[in-house]
Amino acid sequence: MQILAEEKCIPIASLEPKLHEWCIRVLVAEKTPVRTLQSGKTQLKLVFIDDEHTKIKCIVFHPDAPDLDEVLKLYKTYYIGNGKIIPLNRNFPIMVDYKYQMIFNRSANIKATEKEEELPLDNVYQLTPFAQFPDFMGSSEDKVDKSLFFVL
């Protein structure tokens, strides 16, 4: 079922395993290269973020990983629906605050947003304009050593 429309989108925080027929508008915040497992099958991992800065991990397994790798571009915004929502496996020590993860296959609904509907990149990274850098740094001189500079 195709329900990809802005007025039907919900926040990532509202997703849960028993929810069906949902749509989220998300930015692809992280994306690994397609990885070949020992079994010879492929896997793709992504992290999506919405306009409320909530994240969800997504895994795409073989044989769909290479196809969806071509569709989903890093830092682009999409309407997504019909992924399977499952609880995050807490058996492994991981430092994330996700409650659930999403499993994707070819039946997932994916639609790129129009340019004016894209989520801003500052949803992913907390950016400080260079002109505001002295205010950001405050009076502490040791902060300069721990800061990462990007000048474009």
C-alpha atoms as a PDB file:
ATOM      1  CA  MET A   1       0.000   0.000   0.000  1.00  0.00           C
ATOM      2  CA  GLN A   2       1.376   3.387  -0.984  1.00  0.00           C
ATOM      3  CA  ILE A   3       0.779   5.916   1.817  1.00  0.00           C
ATOM      4  CA  LEU A   4       3.748   8.183   1.255  1.00  0.00           C
ATOM      5  CA  ALA A   5       2.442  11.692   1.762  1.00  0.00           C
ATOM      6  CA  GLU A   6       3.540  14.435   4.106  1.00  0.00           C
ATOM      7  CA  GLU A   7       0.153  14.725   5.805  1.00  0.00           C
ATOM      8  CA  LYS A   8       0.267  11.019   6.767  1.00  0.00           C
ATOM      9  CA  CYS A   9       3.812  11.054   8.172  1.00  0.00           C
ATOM     10  CA  ILE A  10       4.457  10.351  11.827  1.00  0.00           C
ATOM     11  CA  PRO A  11       7.605  10.974  13.897  1.00  0.00           C
ATOM     12  CA  ILE A  12      10.116   8.157  14.342  1.00  0.00           C
ATOM     13  CA  ALA A  13       9.332   8.233  18.082  1.00  0.00           C
ATOM     14  CA  SER A  14       5.793   7.008  17.263  1.00  0.00           C
ATOM     15  CA  LEU A  15       6.992   3.866  15.466  1.00  0.00           C
ATOM     16  CA  GLU A  16       6.459   0.545  17.203  1.00  0.00           C
ATOM     17  CA  PRO A  17       6.404  -3.116  16.095  1.00  0.00           C
ATOM     18  CA  LYS A  18       2.628  -3.512  16.008  1.00  0.00           C
ATOM     19  CA  LEU A  19       2.105  -0.375  13.908  1.00  0.00           C
ATOM     20  CA  HIS A  20       1.204  -0.987  10.257  1.00  0.00           C
ATOM     21  CA  GLU A  21       0.691   1.406   7.351  1.00  0.00           C
ATOM     22  CA  TRP A  22       2.959   4.180   8.519  1.00  0.00           C
ATOM     23  CA  CYS A  23       5.066   6.823   6.795  1.00  0.00           C
ATOM     24  CA  ILE A  24       8.048   8.792   8.091  1.00  0.00           C
ATOM     25  CA  ARG A  25       9.972  11.673   6.516  1.00  0.00           C
ATOM     26  CA  VAL A  26      13.653  11.137   7.232  1.00  0.00           C
ATOM     27  CA  LEU A  27      17.127  12.162   6.231  1.00  0.00           C
ATOM     28  CA  VAL A  28      19.765   9.461   5.625  1.00  0.00           C
ATOM     29  CA  ALA A  29      22.238  10.462   8.358  1.00  0.00           C
ATOM     30  CA  GLU A  30      24.602   7.480   8.157  1.00  0.00           C
ATOM     31  CA  LYS A  31      25.168   4.823   5.533  1.00  0.00           C
ATOM     32  CA  THR A  32      27.697   1.999   5.431  1.00  0.00           C
ATOM     33  CA  PRO A  33      28.989   0.543   2.196  1.00  0.00           C
ATOM     34  CA  VAL A  34      27.269  -2.693   1.178  1.00  0.00           C
ATOM     35  CA  ARG A  35      29.093  -5.399   3.113  1.00  0.00           C
ATOM     36  CA  THR A  36      29.503  -9.018   2.051  1.00  0.00           C
ATOM     37  CA  LEU A  37      29.056 -11.368   4.995  1.00  0.00           C
ATOM     38  CA  GLN A  38      30.877 -14.681   5.488  1.00  0.00           C
ATOM     39  CA  SER A  39      27.833 -16.430   4.057  1.00  0.00           C
ATOM     40  CA  GLY A  40      28.331 -14.518   0.800  1.00  0.00           C
ATOM     41  CA  LYS A  41      25.145 -12.527   1.345  1.00  0.00           C
ATOM     42  CA  THR A  42      25.142  -8.750   1.468  1.00  0.00           C
ATOM     43  CA  GLN A  43      24.054  -6.238   4.098  1.00  0.00           C
ATOM     44  CA  LEU A  44      23.555  -2.472   4.200  1.00  0.00           C
ATOM     45  CA  LYS A  45      23.162  -0.432   7.404  1.00  0.00           C
ATOM     46  CA  LEU A  46      21.656   3.046   7.603  1.00  0.00           C
ATOM     47  CA  VAL A  47      20.616   5.531  10.251  1.00  0.00           C
ATOM     48  CA  PHE A  48      17.639   7.770   9.574  1.00  0.00           C
ATOM     49  CA  ILE A  49      16.850  10.998  11.451  1.00  0.00           C
ATOM     50  CA  ASP A  50      13.602  12.969  11.403  1.00  0.00           C
ATOM     51  CA  ASP A  51      12.803  16.643  11.975  1.00  0.00           C
ATOM     52  CA  GLU A  52      12.534  16.000  15.733  1.00  0.00           C
ATOM     53  CA  HIS A  53      16.169  14.758  15.745  1.00  0.00           C
ATOM     54  CA  THR A  54      15.040  11.203  16.569  1.00  0.00           C
ATOM     55  CA  LYS A  55      17.109   8.430  14.990  1.00  0.00           C
ATOM     56  CA  ILE A  56      16.360   4.870  13.922  1.00  0.00           C
ATOM     57  CA  LYS A  57      18.748   2.231  12.615  1.00  0.00           C
ATOM     58  CA  CYS A  58      17.825   0.403   9.420  1.00  0.00           C
ATOM     59  CA  ILE A  59      19.249  -2.857   8.084  1.00  0.00           C
ATOM     60  CA  VAL A  60      18.820  -4.131   4.536  1.00  0.00           C
ATOM     61  CA  PHE A  61      19.726  -7.758   3.847  1.00  0.00           C
ATOM     62  CA  HIS A  62      20.575  -9.783   0.746  1.00  0.00           C
ATOM     63  CA  PRO A  63      19.426  -9.653  -2.045  1.00  0.00           C
ATOM     64  CA  ASP A  64      17.978  -6.152  -1.563  1.00  0.00           C
ATOM     65  CA  ALA A  65      21.060  -4.393  -0.153  1.00  0.00           C
ATOM     66  CA  PRO A  66      22.747  -3.493  -3.482  1.00  0.00           C
ATOM     67  CA  ASP A  67      19.477  -2.224  -4.998  1.00  0.00           C
ATOM     68  CA  LEU A  68      18.539  -0.037  -2.038  1.00  0.00           C
ATOM     69  CA  ASP A  69      22.134   1.194  -1.798  1.00  0.00           C
ATOM     70  CA  GLU A  70      21.587   2.776  -5.215  1.00  0.00           C
ATOM     71  CA  VAL A  71      18.245   4.311  -4.184  1.00  0.00           C
ATOM     72  CA  LEU A  72      19.062   5.776  -0.752  1.00  0.00           C
ATOM     73  CA  LYS A  73      21.657   8.558  -0.903  1.00  0.00           C
ATOM     74  CA  LEU A  74      23.509   9.953   2.097  1.00  0.00           C
ATOM     75  CA  TYR A  75      22.091  13.285   3.398  1.00  0.00           C
ATOM     76  CA  LYS A  76      19.018  13.100   1.160  1.00  0.00           C
ATOM     77  CA  THR A  77      15.460  13.180   2.504  1.00  0.00           C
ATOM     78  CA  TYR A  78      12.852  10.489   1.794  1.00  0.00           C
ATOM     79  CA  TYR A  79       9.333   9.454   2.642  1.00  0.00           C
ATOM     80  CA  ILE A  80       9.596   5.873   3.859  1.00  0.00           C
ATOM     81  CA  GLY A  81       6.955   3.317   4.746  1.00  0.00           C
ATOM     82  CA  ASN A  82       6.342  -0.408   5.054  1.00  0.00           C
ATOM     83  CA  GLY A  83       9.585  -1.324   6.805  1.00  0.00           C
ATOM     84  CA  LYS A  84       9.425  -3.942   9.530  1.00  0.00           C
ATOM     85  CA  ILE A  85       9.909  -2.425  13.005  1.00  0.00           C
ATOM     86  CA  ILE A  86      11.546  -4.690  15.581  1.00  0.00           C
ATOM     87  CA  PRO A  87      13.030  -4.093  19.053  1.00  0.00           C
ATOM     88  CA  LEU A  88      16.735  -3.293  19.018  1.00  0.00           C
ATOM     89  CA  ASN A  89      18.853  -6.278  20.056  1.00  0.00           C
ATOM     90  CA  ARG A  90      20.267  -5.233  23.424  1.00  0.00           C
ATOM     91  CA  ASN A  91      22.432  -8.383  23.767  1.00  0.00           C
ATOM     92  CA  PHE A  92      25.336  -6.437  22.303  1.00  0.00           C
ATOM     93  CA  PRO A  93      26.753  -3.430  24.161  1.00  0.00           C
ATOM     94  CA  ILE A  94      26.035  -0.453  21.944  1.00  0.00           C
ATOM     95  CA  MET A  95      26.025   3.226  22.751  1.00  0.00           C
ATOM     96  CA  VAL A  96      22.834   4.338  21.019  1.00  0.00           C
ATOM     97  CA  ASP A  97      19.508   5.565  22.242  1.00  0.00           C
ATOM     98  CA  TYR A  98      17.364   3.763  19.660  1.00  0.00           C
ATOM     99  CA  LYS A  99      14.432   1.736  20.949  1.00  0.00           C
ATOM    100  CA  TYR A 100      13.714  -0.030  17.671  1.00  0.00           C
ATOM    101  CA  GLN A 101      15.355  -0.804  14.389  1.00  0.00           C
ATOM    102  CA  MET A 102      13.896  -1.129  10.935  1.00  0.00           C
ATOM    103  CA  ILE A 103      14.360  -4.019   8.519  1.00  0.00           C
ATOM    104  CA  PHE A 104      13.952  -3.147   4.839  1.00  0.00           C
ATOM    105  CA  ASN A 105      13.412  -5.167   1.728  1.00  0.00           C
ATOM    106  CA  ARG A 106      12.099  -4.477  -1.773  1.00  0.00           C
ATOM    107  CA  SER A 107       8.550  -4.141  -0.507  1.00  0.00           C
ATOM    108  CA  ALA A 108       9.507  -0.987   1.420  1.00  0.00           C
ATOM    109  CA  ASN A 109       7.969   2.202   0.077  1.00  0.00           C
ATOM    110  CA  ILE A 110      10.584   4.860  -0.629  1.00  0.00           C
ATOM    111  CA  LYS A 111       9.968   8.208  -2.272  1.00  0.00           C
ATOM    112  CA  ALA A 112      12.457  11.058  -2.515  1.00  0.00           C
ATOM    113  CA  THR A 113      11.117  14.365  -1.266  1.00  0.00           C
ATOM    114  CA  GLU A 114      10.861  17.501  -3.343  1.00  0.00           C
ATOM    115  CA  LYS A 115      13.685  20.005  -2.839  1.00  0.00           C
ATOM    116  CA  GLU A 116      11.575  22.273  -0.601  1.00  0.00           C
ATOM    117  CA  GLU A 117      10.619  19.313   1.647  1.00  0.00           C
ATOM    118  CA  GLU A 118      14.183  18.228   2.399  1.00  0.00           C
ATOM    119  CA  LEU A 119      15.309  18.177   6.013  1.00  0.00           C
ATOM    120  CA  PRO A 120      18.259  20.464   6.802  1.00  0.00           C
ATOM    121  CA  LEU A 121      21.694  18.963   7.300  1.00  0.00           C
ATOM    122  CA  ASP A 122      21.912  20.555  10.741  1.00  0.00           C
ATOM    123  CA  ASN A 123      19.460  17.850  11.834  1.00  0.00           C
ATOM    124  CA  VAL A 124      22.456  15.525  11.638  1.00  0.00           C
ATOM    125  CA  TYR A 125      25.308  17.712  12.845  1.00  0.00           C
ATOM    126  CA  GLN A 126      25.273  20.626  15.226  1.00  0.00           C
ATOM    127  CA  LEU A 127      26.923  23.248  13.062  1.00  0.00           C
ATOM    128  CA  THR A 128      28.176  26.596  14.314  1.00  0.00           C
ATOM    129  CA  PRO A 129      28.688  29.354  11.748  1.00  0.00           C
ATOM    130  CA  PHE A 130      32.279  30.562  11.718  1.00  0.00           C
ATOM    131  CA  ALA A 131      31.160  34.123  12.561  1.00  0.00           C
ATOM    132  CA  GLN A 132      29.692  32.771  15.844  1.00  0.00           C
ATOM    133  CA  PHE A 133      32.787  30.777  16.751  1.00  0.00           C
ATOM    134  CA  PRO A 134      34.083  33.195  19.441  1.00  0.00           C
ATOM    135  CA  ASP A 135      30.693  33.053  21.205  1.00  0.00           C
ATOM    136  CA  PHE A 136      30.713  29.260  20.935  1.00  0.00           C
ATOM    137  CA  MET A 137      34.186  29.031  22.434  1.00  0.00           C
ATOM    138  CA  GLY A 138      33.496  31.358  25.355  1.00  0.00           C
ATOM    139  CA  SER A 139      36.518  32.437  27.374  1.00  0.00           C
ATOM    140  CA  SER A 140      38.120  29.031  27.849  1.00  0.00           C
ATOM    141  CA  GLU A 141      41.302  28.793  25.781  1.00  0.00           C
ATOM    142  CA  ASP A 142      41.597  25.000  26.142  1.00  0.00           C
ATOM    143  CA  LYS A 143      38.407  24.492  24.101  1.00  0.00           C
ATOM    144  CA  VAL A 144      40.294  25.472  20.957  1.00  0.00           C
ATOM    145  CA  ASP A 145      42.448  22.347  21.210  1.00  0.00           C
ATOM    146  CA  LYS A 146      39.360  20.120  21.393  1.00  0.00           C
ATOM    147  CA  SER A 147      37.406  21.750  18.574  1.00  0.00           C
ATOM    148  CA  LEU A 148      37.068  20.529  15.033  1.00  0.00           C
ATOM    149  CA  PHE A 149      37.260  23.245  12.383  1.00  0.00           C
ATOM    150  CA  PHE A 150      35.601  23.189   8.986  1.00  0.00           C
ATOM    151  CA  VAL A 151      36.165  26.123   6.693  1.00  0.00           C
ATOM    152  CA  LEU A 152      34.456  26.066   3.346  1.00  0.00           C
END
